[in-house]
Amino acid sequence: MQQAFGSISGSNGAILSGSGNFSVAKTGQGSFTITLQGSSSITPVVTATPGDPYMTAAVNIPWTDGGSGKQPSFGVHTGYTDQGSKNPMDIYVFNFNAVWN
């Protein structure tokens, strides 16, 4: 079983802290792809949480990929649940934990 975890800046996708065995690419406003090192026999199991001062901050994992010896990866979308928010979709920071085999 392998594990990766991290705290990621929502503004630019910078890795603030973490396990060091992953990379982050910002693919759009509030949209990121996280690629884990190594190969996998299953898709990763991922949890993510907002680390944002606003209670309406949200994190969603729209897709995961891996298995059959592929390099595991997953997507992250961030934003706010209140429709009247003037905040951009880039929340302050989000945290994740991924495990795979």
PDB file of N, CA and C in Angstrom:
ATOM      1  N   MET A   1       0.852  -1.172   0.000  1.00  0.00           N
ATOM      2  CA  MET A   1       0.000   0.000   0.000  1.00  0.00           C
ATOM      3  C   MET A   1       0.899   1.236   0.000  1.00  0.00           C
ATOM      4  N   GLN A   2       0.611   2.150  -0.901  1.00  0.00           N
ATOM      5  CA  GLN A   2       1.346   3.402  -0.980  1.00  0.00           C
ATOM      6  C   GLN A   2       0.422   4.544  -0.574  1.00  0.00           C
ATOM      7  N   GLN A   3       1.036   5.657  -0.139  1.00  0.00           N
ATOM      8  CA  GLN A   3       0.257   6.798   0.320  1.00  0.00           C
ATOM      9  C   GLN A   3       0.934   8.085  -0.105  1.00  0.00           C
ATOM     10  N   ALA A   4       0.123   9.068  -0.417  1.00  0.00           N
ATOM     11  CA  ALA A   4       0.596  10.431  -0.670  1.00  0.00           C
ATOM     12  C   ALA A   4      -0.373  11.381   0.017  1.00  0.00           C
ATOM     13  N   PHE A   5       0.155  12.497   0.496  1.00  0.00           N
ATOM     14  CA  PHE A   5      -0.681  13.498   1.141  1.00  0.00           C
ATOM     15  C   PHE A   5      -0.053  14.854   0.926  1.00  0.00           C
ATOM     16  N   GLY A   6      -0.888  15.886   0.958  1.00  0.00           N
ATOM     17  CA  GLY A   6      -0.342  17.211   0.767  1.00  0.00           C
ATOM     18  C   GLY A   6      -1.322  18.319   1.054  1.00  0.00           C
ATOM     19  N   SER A   7      -0.747  19.500   1.166  1.00  0.00           N
ATOM     20  CA  SER A   7      -1.487  20.742   1.323  1.00  0.00           C
ATOM     21  C   SER A   7      -1.106  21.609   0.122  1.00  0.00           C
ATOM     22  N   ILE A   8      -2.106  22.017  -0.670  1.00  0.00           N
ATOM     23  CA  ILE A   8      -1.872  22.655  -1.958  1.00  0.00           C
ATOM     24  C   ILE A   8      -2.482  24.053  -1.985  1.00  0.00           C
ATOM     25  N   SER A   9      -1.724  25.019  -2.512  1.00  0.00           N
ATOM     26  CA  SER A   9      -2.233  26.379  -2.685  1.00  0.00           C
ATOM     27  C   SER A   9      -3.272  26.392  -3.791  1.00  0.00           C
ATOM     28  N   GLY A  10      -4.432  26.964  -3.518  1.00  0.00           N
ATOM     29  CA  GLY A  10      -5.482  27.051  -4.522  1.00  0.00           C
ATOM     30  C   GLY A  10      -5.218  28.105  -5.577  1.00  0.00           C
ATOM     31  N   SER A  11      -4.354  29.080  -5.285  1.00  0.00           N
ATOM     32  CA  SER A  11      -4.137  30.153  -6.250  1.00  0.00           C
ATOM     33  C   SER A  11      -3.209  29.736  -7.392  1.00  0.00           C
ATOM     34  N   ASN A  12      -2.190  28.918  -7.091  1.00  0.00           N
ATOM     35  CA  ASN A  12      -1.239  28.564  -8.143  1.00  0.00           C
ATOM     36  C   ASN A  12      -0.869  27.079  -8.192  1.00  0.00           C
ATOM     37  N   GLY A  13      -1.430  26.255  -7.316  1.00  0.00           N
ATOM     38  CA  GLY A  13      -1.126  24.824  -7.316  1.00  0.00           C
ATOM     39  C   GLY A  13       0.190  24.470  -6.663  1.00  0.00           C
ATOM     40  N   ALA A  14       0.812  25.425  -5.986  1.00  0.00           N
ATOM     41  CA  ALA A  14       2.091  25.148  -5.319  1.00  0.00           C
ATOM     42  C   ALA A  14       1.889  24.165  -4.163  1.00  0.00           C
ATOM     43  N   ILE A  15       2.845  23.265  -3.994  1.00  0.00           N
ATOM     44  CA  ILE A  15       2.811  22.317  -2.887  1.00  0.00           C
ATOM     45  C   ILE A  15       3.336  23.030  -1.646  1.00  0.00           C
ATOM     46  N   LEU A  16       2.473  23.216  -0.653  1.00  0.00           N
ATOM     47  CA  LEU A  16       2.866  23.898   0.581  1.00  0.00           C
ATOM     48  C   LEU A  16       3.548  22.936   1.545  1.00  0.00           C
ATOM     49  N   SER A  17       3.079  21.703   1.590  1.00  0.00           N
ATOM     50  CA  SER A  17       3.708  20.651   2.397  1.00  0.00           C
ATOM     51  C   SER A  17       3.149  19.322   1.924  1.00  0.00           C
ATOM     52  N   GLY A  18       3.830  18.243   2.289  1.00  0.00           N
ATOM     53  CA  GLY A  18       3.307  16.945   1.897  1.00  0.00           C
ATOM     54  C   GLY A  18       4.353  15.859   1.877  1.00  0.00           C
ATOM     55  N   SER A  19       3.957  14.718   1.346  1.00  0.00           N
ATOM     56  CA  SER A  19       4.796  13.525   1.355  1.00  0.00           C
ATOM     57  C   SER A  19       5.909  13.569   0.314  1.00  0.00           C
ATOM     58  N   GLY A  20       5.789  14.421  -0.705  1.00  0.00           N
ATOM     59  CA  GLY A  20       6.841  14.579  -1.692  1.00  0.00           C
ATOM     60  C   GLY A  20       6.778  13.622  -2.868  1.00  0.00           C
ATOM     61  N   ASN A  21       5.857  12.681  -2.883  1.00  0.00           N
ATOM     62  CA  ASN A  21       5.797  11.705  -3.967  1.00  0.00           C
ATOM     63  C   ASN A  21       4.635  11.971  -4.928  1.00  0.00           C
ATOM     64  N   PHE A  22       4.430  13.248  -5.276  1.00  0.00           N
ATOM     65  CA  PHE A  22       3.359  13.633  -6.192  1.00  0.00           C
ATOM     66  C   PHE A  22       3.704  14.968  -6.837  1.00  0.00           C
ATOM     67  N   SER A  23       3.022  15.272  -7.922  1.00  0.00           N
ATOM     68  CA  SER A  23       3.154  16.574  -8.569  1.00  0.00           C
ATOM     69  C   SER A  23       1.758  17.143  -8.803  1.00  0.00           C
ATOM     70  N   VAL A  24       1.679  18.458  -8.919  1.00  0.00           N
ATOM     71  CA  VAL A  24       0.399  19.144  -9.089  1.00  0.00           C
ATOM     72  C   VAL A  24       0.474  20.023 -10.330  1.00  0.00           C
ATOM     73  N   ALA A  25      -0.555  19.954 -11.163  1.00  0.00           N
ATOM     74  CA  ALA A  25      -0.675  20.850 -12.309  1.00  0.00           C
ATOM     75  C   ALA A  25      -2.012  21.573 -12.214  1.00  0.00           C
ATOM     76  N   LYS A  26      -1.962  22.894 -12.266  1.00  0.00           N
ATOM     77  CA  LYS A  26      -3.208  23.664 -12.284  1.00  0.00           C
ATOM     78  C   LYS A  26      -3.697  23.688 -13.721  1.00  0.00           C
ATOM     79  N   THR A  27      -4.904  23.187 -13.954  1.00  0.00           N
ATOM     80  CA  THR A  27      -5.428  23.050 -15.313  1.00  0.00           C
ATOM     81  C   THR A  27      -6.498  24.079 -15.661  1.00  0.00           C
ATOM     82  N   GLY A  28      -6.812  24.949 -14.730  1.00  0.00           N
ATOM     83  CA  GLY A  28      -7.817  25.984 -14.935  1.00  0.00           C
ATOM     84  C   GLY A  28      -8.182  26.588 -13.597  1.00  0.00           C
ATOM     85  N   GLN A  29      -9.069  27.589 -13.621  1.00  0.00           N
ATOM     86  CA  GLN A  29      -9.482  28.203 -12.367  1.00  0.00           C
ATOM     87  C   GLN A  29     -10.228  27.176 -11.525  1.00  0.00           C
ATOM     88  N   GLY A  30      -9.685  26.888 -10.344  1.00  0.00           N
ATOM     89  CA  GLY A  30     -10.300  25.923  -9.443  1.00  0.00           C
ATOM     90  C   GLY A  30     -10.169  24.482  -9.891  1.00  0.00           C
ATOM     91  N   SER A  31      -9.259  24.182 -10.821  1.00  0.00           N
ATOM     92  CA  SER A  31      -9.125  22.835 -11.370  1.00  0.00           C
ATOM     93  C   SER A  31      -7.658  22.401 -11.352  1.00  0.00           C
ATOM     94  N   PHE A  32      -7.410  21.180 -10.838  1.00  0.00           N
ATOM     95  CA  PHE A  32      -6.051  20.678 -10.680  1.00  0.00           C
ATOM     96  C   PHE A  32      -5.987  19.196 -11.043  1.00  0.00           C
ATOM     97  N   THR A  33      -4.822  18.756 -11.508  1.00  0.00           N
ATOM     98  CA  THR A  33      -4.538  17.338 -11.689  1.00  0.00           C
ATOM     99  C   THR A  33      -3.357  16.996 -10.800  1.00  0.00           C
ATOM    100  N   ILE A  34      -3.516  15.975  -9.978  1.00  0.00           N
ATOM    101  CA  ILE A  34      -2.444  15.504  -9.108  1.00  0.00           C
ATOM    102  C   ILE A  34      -2.010  14.140  -9.612  1.00  0.00           C
ATOM    103  N   THR A  35      -0.710  14.015  -9.878  1.00  0.00           N
ATOM    104  CA  THR A  35      -0.137  12.768 -10.366  1.00  0.00           C
ATOM    105  C   THR A  35       0.753  12.186  -9.283  1.00  0.00           C
ATOM    106  N   LEU A  36       0.515  10.923  -8.971  1.00  0.00           N
ATOM    107  CA  LEU A  36       1.264  10.236  -7.914  1.00  0.00           C
ATOM    108  C   LEU A  36       2.421   9.467  -8.535  1.00  0.00           C
ATOM    109  N   GLN A  37       3.526   9.330  -7.817  1.00  0.00           N
ATOM    110  CA  GLN A  37       4.687   8.615  -8.333  1.00  0.00           C
ATOM    111  C   GLN A  37       4.472   7.113  -8.244  1.00  0.00           C
ATOM    112  N   GLY A  38       5.028   6.412  -9.196  1.00  0.00           N
ATOM    113  CA  GLY A  38       4.953   4.959  -9.189  1.00  0.00           C
ATOM    114  C   GLY A  38       3.830   4.450 -10.063  1.00  0.00           C
ATOM    115  N   SER A  39       3.578   3.151  -9.972  1.00  0.00           N
ATOM    116  CA  SER A  39       2.495   2.538 -10.729  1.00  0.00           C
ATOM    117  C   SER A  39       1.499   1.955  -9.743  1.00  0.00           C
ATOM    118  N   SER A  40       0.352   1.534 -10.258  1.00  0.00           N
ATOM    119  CA  SER A  40      -0.690   1.050  -9.362  1.00  0.00           C
ATOM    120  C   SER A  40      -1.414  -0.137  -9.980  1.00  0.00           C
ATOM    121  N   SER A  41      -1.926  -0.991  -9.127  1.00  0.00           N
ATOM    122  CA  SER A  41      -2.770  -2.085  -9.589  1.00  0.00           C
ATOM    123  C   SER A  41      -4.249  -1.738  -9.421  1.00  0.00           C
ATOM    124  N   ILE A  42      -4.538  -0.657  -8.702  1.00  0.00           N
ATOM    125  CA  ILE A  42      -5.902  -0.174  -8.520  1.00  0.00           C
ATOM    126  C   ILE A  42      -5.914   1.344  -8.662  1.00  0.00           C
ATOM    127  N   THR A  43      -7.091   1.923  -8.890  1.00  0.00           N
ATOM    128  CA  THR A  43      -7.184   3.383  -8.885  1.00  0.00           C
ATOM    129  C   THR A  43      -7.024   3.868  -7.451  1.00  0.00           C
ATOM    130  N   PRO A  44      -6.461   5.051  -7.250  1.00  0.00           N
ATOM    131  CA  PRO A  44      -6.262   5.530  -5.883  1.00  0.00           C
ATOM    132  C   PRO A  44      -7.583   5.853  -5.189  1.00  0.00           C
ATOM    133  N   VAL A  45      -7.583   5.662  -3.885  1.00  0.00           N
ATOM    134  CA  VAL A  45      -8.695   6.091  -3.043  1.00  0.00           C
ATOM    135  C   VAL A  45      -8.276   7.438  -2.466  1.00  0.00           C
ATOM    136  N   VAL A  46      -9.075   8.469  -2.681  1.00  0.00           N
ATOM    137  CA  VAL A  46      -8.666   9.840  -2.365  1.00  0.00           C
ATOM    138  C   VAL A  46      -9.694  10.523  -1.477  1.00  0.00           C
ATOM    139  N   THR A  47      -9.214  11.256  -0.475  1.00  0.00           N
ATOM    140  CA  THR A  47     -10.048  12.182   0.290  1.00  0.00           C
ATOM    141  C   THR A  47      -9.429  13.565   0.162  1.00  0.00           C
ATOM    142  N   ALA A  48     -10.259  14.588   0.173  1.00  0.00           N
ATOM    143  CA  ALA A  48      -9.764  15.960   0.080  1.00  0.00           C
ATOM    144  C   ALA A  48     -10.660  16.868   0.904  1.00  0.00           C
ATOM    145  N   THR A  49     -10.054  17.879   1.497  1.00  0.00           N
ATOM    146  CA  THR A  49     -10.789  18.835   2.323  1.00  0.00           C
ATOM    147  C   THR A  49     -10.308  20.246   2.044  1.00  0.00           C
ATOM    148  N   PRO A  50     -11.199  21.228   2.147  1.00  0.00           N
ATOM    149  CA  PRO A  50     -10.743  22.610   2.017  1.00  0.00           C
ATOM    150  C   PRO A  50     -10.036  23.055   3.293  1.00  0.00           C
ATOM    151  N   GLY A  51      -9.021  23.859   3.136  1.00  0.00           N
ATOM    152  CA  GLY A  51      -8.359  24.486   4.270  1.00  0.00           C
ATOM    153  C   GLY A  51      -8.517  25.983   4.122  1.00  0.00           C
ATOM    154  N   ASP A  52      -9.722  26.431   4.030  1.00  0.00           N
ATOM    155  CA  ASP A  52     -10.062  27.792   3.668  1.00  0.00           C
ATOM    156  C   ASP A  52     -10.801  28.466   4.815  1.00  0.00           C
ATOM    157  N   PRO A  53     -10.595  29.764   5.040  1.00  0.00           N
ATOM    158  CA  PRO A  53     -11.296  30.432   6.135  1.00  0.00           C
ATOM    159  C   PRO A  53     -12.796  30.607   5.892  1.00  0.00           C
ATOM    160  N   TYR A  54     -13.255  30.449   4.653  1.00  0.00           N
ATOM    161  CA  TYR A  54     -14.679  30.613   4.358  1.00  0.00           C
ATOM    162  C   TYR A  54     -15.399  29.283   4.515  1.00  0.00           C
ATOM    163  N   MET A  55     -16.486  29.279   5.260  1.00  0.00           N
ATOM    164  CA  MET A  55     -17.224  28.045   5.533  1.00  0.00           C
ATOM    165  C   MET A  55     -17.819  27.427   4.279  1.00  0.00           C
ATOM    166  N   THR A  56     -17.990  28.196   3.213  1.00  0.00           N
ATOM    167  CA  THR A  56     -18.622  27.663   2.012  1.00  0.00           C
ATOM    168  C   THR A  56     -17.620  27.079   1.019  1.00  0.00           C
ATOM    169  N   ALA A  57     -16.337  27.049   1.377  1.00  0.00           N
ATOM    170  CA  ALA A  57     -15.331  26.467   0.490  1.00  0.00           C
ATOM    171  C   ALA A  57     -15.609  24.975   0.315  1.00  0.00           C
ATOM    172  N   ALA A  58     -15.397  24.476  -0.893  1.00  0.00           N
ATOM    173  CA  ALA A  58     -15.682  23.069  -1.186  1.00  0.00           C
ATOM    174  C   ALA A  58     -14.596  22.480  -2.075  1.00  0.00           C
ATOM    175  N   VAL A  59     -14.390  21.172  -1.944  1.00  0.00           N
ATOM    176  CA  VAL A  59     -13.453  20.431  -2.779  1.00  0.00           C
ATOM    177  C   VAL A  59     -14.178  19.203  -3.320  1.00  0.00           C
ATOM    178  N   ASN A  60     -14.002  18.931  -4.602  1.00  0.00           N
ATOM    179  CA  ASN A  60     -14.633  17.795  -5.261  1.00  0.00           C
ATOM    180  C   ASN A  60     -13.563  17.018  -6.024  1.00  0.00           C
ATOM    181  N   ILE A  61     -13.665  15.693  -6.025  1.00  0.00           N
ATOM    182  CA  ILE A  61     -12.748  14.845  -6.789  1.00  0.00           C
ATOM    183  C   ILE A  61     -13.563  14.258  -7.947  1.00  0.00           C
ATOM    184  N   PRO A  62     -13.493  14.870  -9.143  1.00  0.00           N
ATOM    185  CA  PRO A  62     -14.351  14.440 -10.248  1.00  0.00           C
ATOM    186  C   PRO A  62     -13.900  13.159 -10.939  1.00  0.00           C
ATOM    187  N   TRP A  63     -12.610  12.787 -10.827  1.00  0.00           N
ATOM    188  CA  TRP A  63     -12.138  11.576 -11.488  1.00  0.00           C
ATOM    189  C   TRP A  63     -10.861  11.054 -10.825  1.00  0.00           C
ATOM    190  N   THR A  64     -10.662   9.751 -10.923  1.00  0.00           N
ATOM    191  CA  THR A  64      -9.417   9.101 -10.516  1.00  0.00           C
ATOM    192  C   THR A  64      -9.008   8.160 -11.642  1.00  0.00           C
ATOM    193  N   ASP A  65      -7.705   7.919 -11.762  1.00  0.00           N
ATOM    194  CA  ASP A  65      -7.202   7.038 -12.805  1.00  0.00           C
ATOM    195  C   ASP A  65      -6.037   6.236 -12.245  1.00  0.00           C
ATOM    196  N   GLY A  66      -5.873   5.033 -12.706  1.00  0.00           N
ATOM    197  CA  GLY A  66      -4.792   4.162 -12.262  1.00  0.00           C
ATOM    198  C   GLY A  66      -5.162   2.722 -12.538  1.00  0.00           C
ATOM    199  N   GLY A  67      -4.414   1.809 -11.969  1.00  0.00           N
ATOM    200  CA  GLY A  67      -4.663   0.389 -12.188  1.00  0.00           C
ATOM    201  C   GLY A  67      -3.928  -0.115 -13.410  1.00  0.00           C
ATOM    202  N   SER A  68      -3.816  -1.415 -13.519  1.00  0.00           N
ATOM    203  CA  SER A  68      -3.151  -2.071 -14.656  1.00  0.00           C
ATOM    204  C   SER A  68      -1.743  -1.534 -14.887  1.00  0.00           C
ATOM    205  N   GLY A  69      -1.032  -1.212 -13.818  1.00  0.00           N
ATOM    206  CA  GLY A  69       0.340  -0.730 -13.911  1.00  0.00           C
ATOM    207  C   GLY A  69       0.487   0.719 -14.309  1.00  0.00           C
ATOM    208  N   LYS A  70      -0.626   1.458 -14.453  1.00  0.00           N
ATOM    209  CA  LYS A  70      -0.567   2.867 -14.831  1.00  0.00           C
ATOM    210  C   LYS A  70      -0.133   3.734 -13.652  1.00  0.00           C
ATOM    211  N   GLN A  71       0.398   4.906 -13.980  1.00  0.00           N
ATOM    212  CA  GLN A  71       0.721   5.881 -12.946  1.00  0.00           C
ATOM    213  C   GLN A  71      -0.589   6.473 -12.432  1.00  0.00           C
ATOM    214  N   PRO A  72      -0.850   6.400 -11.116  1.00  0.00           N
ATOM    215  CA  PRO A  72      -2.124   6.895 -10.597  1.00  0.00           C
ATOM    216  C   PRO A  72      -2.202   8.428 -10.618  1.00  0.00           C
ATOM    217  N   SER A  73      -3.399   8.929 -10.851  1.00  0.00           N
ATOM    218  CA  SER A  73      -3.636  10.374 -10.841  1.00  0.00           C
ATOM    219  C   SER A  73      -5.098  10.622 -10.501  1.00  0.00           C
ATOM    220  N   PHE A  74      -5.405  11.866 -10.184  1.00  0.00           N
ATOM    221  CA  PHE A  74      -6.792  12.248  -9.909  1.00  0.00           C
ATOM    222  C   PHE A  74      -6.973  13.734 -10.102  1.00  0.00           C
ATOM    223  N   GLY A  75      -8.221  14.127 -10.305  1.00  0.00           N
ATOM    224  CA  GLY A  75      -8.559  15.529 -10.485  1.00  0.00           C
ATOM    225  C   GLY A  75      -9.134  16.117  -9.213  1.00  0.00           C
ATOM    226  N   VAL A  76      -8.961  17.421  -9.060  1.00  0.00           N
ATOM    227  CA  VAL A  76      -9.538  18.152  -7.933  1.00  0.00           C
ATOM    228  C   VAL A  76     -10.176  19.420  -8.481  1.00  0.00           C
ATOM    229  N   HIS A  77     -11.423  19.667  -8.097  1.00  0.00           N
ATOM    230  CA  HIS A  77     -12.094  20.924  -8.403  1.00  0.00           C
ATOM    231  C   HIS A  77     -12.393  21.618  -7.080  1.00  0.00           C
ATOM    232  N   THR A  78     -12.152  22.916  -7.030  1.00  0.00           N
ATOM    233  CA  THR A  78     -12.418  23.689  -5.819  1.00  0.00           C
ATOM    234  C   THR A  78     -13.394  24.818  -6.146  1.00  0.00           C
ATOM    235  N   GLY A  79     -14.011  25.339  -5.121  1.00  0.00           N
ATOM    236  CA  GLY A  79     -14.927  26.453  -5.301  1.00  0.00           C
ATOM    237  C   GLY A  79     -15.679  26.747  -4.024  1.00  0.00           C
ATOM    238  N   TYR A  80     -16.780  27.462  -4.150  1.00  0.00           N
ATOM    239  CA  TYR A  80     -17.599  27.853  -3.009  1.00  0.00           C
ATOM    240  C   TYR A  80     -19.038  27.433  -3.262  1.00  0.00           C
ATOM    241  N   THR A  81     -19.716  26.983  -2.231  1.00  0.00           N
ATOM    242  CA  THR A  81     -21.079  26.482  -2.388  1.00  0.00           C
ATOM    243  C   THR A  81     -22.138  27.571  -2.379  1.00  0.00           C
ATOM    244  N   ASP A  82     -21.820  28.763  -1.910  1.00  0.00           N
ATOM    245  CA  ASP A  82     -22.817  29.842  -1.926  1.00  0.00           C
ATOM    246  C   ASP A  82     -22.781  30.527  -3.294  1.00  0.00           C
ATOM    247  N   GLN A  83     -23.894  30.548  -3.946  1.00  0.00           N
ATOM    248  CA  GLN A  83     -23.962  31.075  -5.307  1.00  0.00           C
ATOM    249  C   GLN A  83     -23.705  32.577  -5.385  1.00  0.00           C
ATOM    250  N   GLY A  84     -23.886  33.290  -4.288  1.00  0.00           N
ATOM    251  CA  GLY A  84     -23.674  34.730  -4.304  1.00  0.00           C
ATOM    252  C   GLY A  84     -22.252  35.139  -3.986  1.00  0.00           C
ATOM    253  N   SER A  85     -21.371  34.182  -3.818  1.00  0.00           N
ATOM    254  CA  SER A  85     -19.993  34.495  -3.437  1.00  0.00           C
ATOM    255  C   SER A  85     -19.287  35.300  -4.517  1.00  0.00           C
ATOM    256  N   LYS A  86     -18.536  36.279  -4.092  1.00  0.00           N
ATOM    257  CA  LYS A  86     -17.709  37.064  -5.010  1.00  0.00           C
ATOM    258  C   LYS A  86     -16.307  36.465  -5.108  1.00  0.00           C
ATOM    259  N   ASN A  87     -16.057  35.386  -4.356  1.00  0.00           N
ATOM    260  CA  ASN A  87     -14.746  34.752  -4.377  1.00  0.00           C
ATOM    261  C   ASN A  87     -14.545  33.977  -5.669  1.00  0.00           C
ATOM    262  N   PRO A  88     -13.305  33.922  -6.182  1.00  0.00           N
ATOM    263  CA  PRO A  88     -13.035  33.095  -7.355  1.00  0.00           C
ATOM    264  C   PRO A  88     -13.129  31.613  -6.967  1.00  0.00           C
ATOM    265  N   MET A  89     -13.060  30.738  -7.935  1.00  0.00           N
ATOM    266  CA  MET A  89     -13.145  29.308  -7.665  1.00  0.00           C
ATOM    267  C   MET A  89     -11.881  28.765  -7.010  1.00  0.00           C
ATOM    268  N   ASP A  90     -10.804  29.547  -7.007  1.00  0.00           N
ATOM    269  CA  ASP A  90      -9.555  29.132  -6.392  1.00  0.00           C
ATOM    270  C   ASP A  90      -9.614  29.379  -4.890  1.00  0.00           C
ATOM    271  N   ILE A  91      -9.887  28.328  -4.105  1.00  0.00           N
ATOM    272  CA  ILE A  91      -9.915  28.493  -2.657  1.00  0.00           C
ATOM    273  C   ILE A  91      -8.490  28.682  -2.149  1.00  0.00           C
ATOM    274  N   TYR A  92      -8.346  29.113  -0.921  1.00  0.00           N
ATOM    275  CA  TYR A  92      -7.054  29.449  -0.335  1.00  0.00           C
ATOM    276  C   TYR A  92      -6.092  28.260  -0.342  1.00  0.00           C
ATOM    277  N   VAL A  93      -6.547  27.139   0.166  1.00  0.00           N
ATOM    278  CA  VAL A  93      -5.706  25.937   0.211  1.00  0.00           C
ATOM    279  C   VAL A  93      -6.611  24.716   0.317  1.00  0.00           C
ATOM    280  N   PHE A  94      -6.148  23.575  -0.223  1.00  0.00           N
ATOM    281  CA  PHE A  94      -6.866  22.320  -0.009  1.00  0.00           C
ATOM    282  C   PHE A  94      -5.867  21.241   0.372  1.00  0.00           C
ATOM    283  N   ASN A  95      -6.365  20.226   1.049  1.00  0.00           N
ATOM    284  CA  ASN A  95      -5.539  19.125   1.533  1.00  0.00           C
ATOM    285  C   ASN A  95      -6.073  17.828   0.955  1.00  0.00           C
ATOM    286  N   PHE A  96      -5.169  16.873   0.701  1.00  0.00           N
ATOM    287  CA  PHE A  96      -5.621  15.585   0.210  1.00  0.00           C
ATOM    288  C   PHE A  96      -4.811  14.453   0.827  1.00  0.00           C
ATOM    289  N   ASN A  97      -5.391  13.273   0.767  1.00  0.00           N
ATOM    290  CA  ASN A  97      -4.725  12.036   1.168  1.00  0.00           C
ATOM    291  C   ASN A  97      -5.141  10.980   0.158  1.00  0.00           C
ATOM    292  N   ALA A  98      -4.159  10.283  -0.420  1.00  0.00           N
ATOM    293  CA  ALA A  98      -4.439   9.246  -1.420  1.00  0.00           C
ATOM    294  C   ALA A  98      -3.715   7.966  -1.031  1.00  0.00           C
ATOM    295  N   VAL A  99      -4.381   6.838  -1.198  1.00  0.00           N
ATOM    296  CA  VAL A  99      -3.752   5.539  -0.989  1.00  0.00           C
ATOM    297  C   VAL A  99      -4.026   4.677  -2.218  1.00  0.00           C
ATOM    298  N   TRP A 100      -3.066   3.829  -2.563  1.00  0.00           N
ATOM    299  CA  TRP A 100      -3.205   2.921  -3.695  1.00  0.00           C
ATOM    300  C   TRP A 100      -2.260   1.756  -3.510  1.00  0.00           C
ATOM    301  N   ASN A 101      -2.479   0.746  -4.338  1.00  0.00           N
ATOM    302  CA  ASN A 101      -1.673  -0.465  -4.250  1.00  0.00           C
ATOM    303  C   ASN A 101      -1.065  -0.774  -5.599  1.00  0.00           C
TER     304      ASN A 101
END
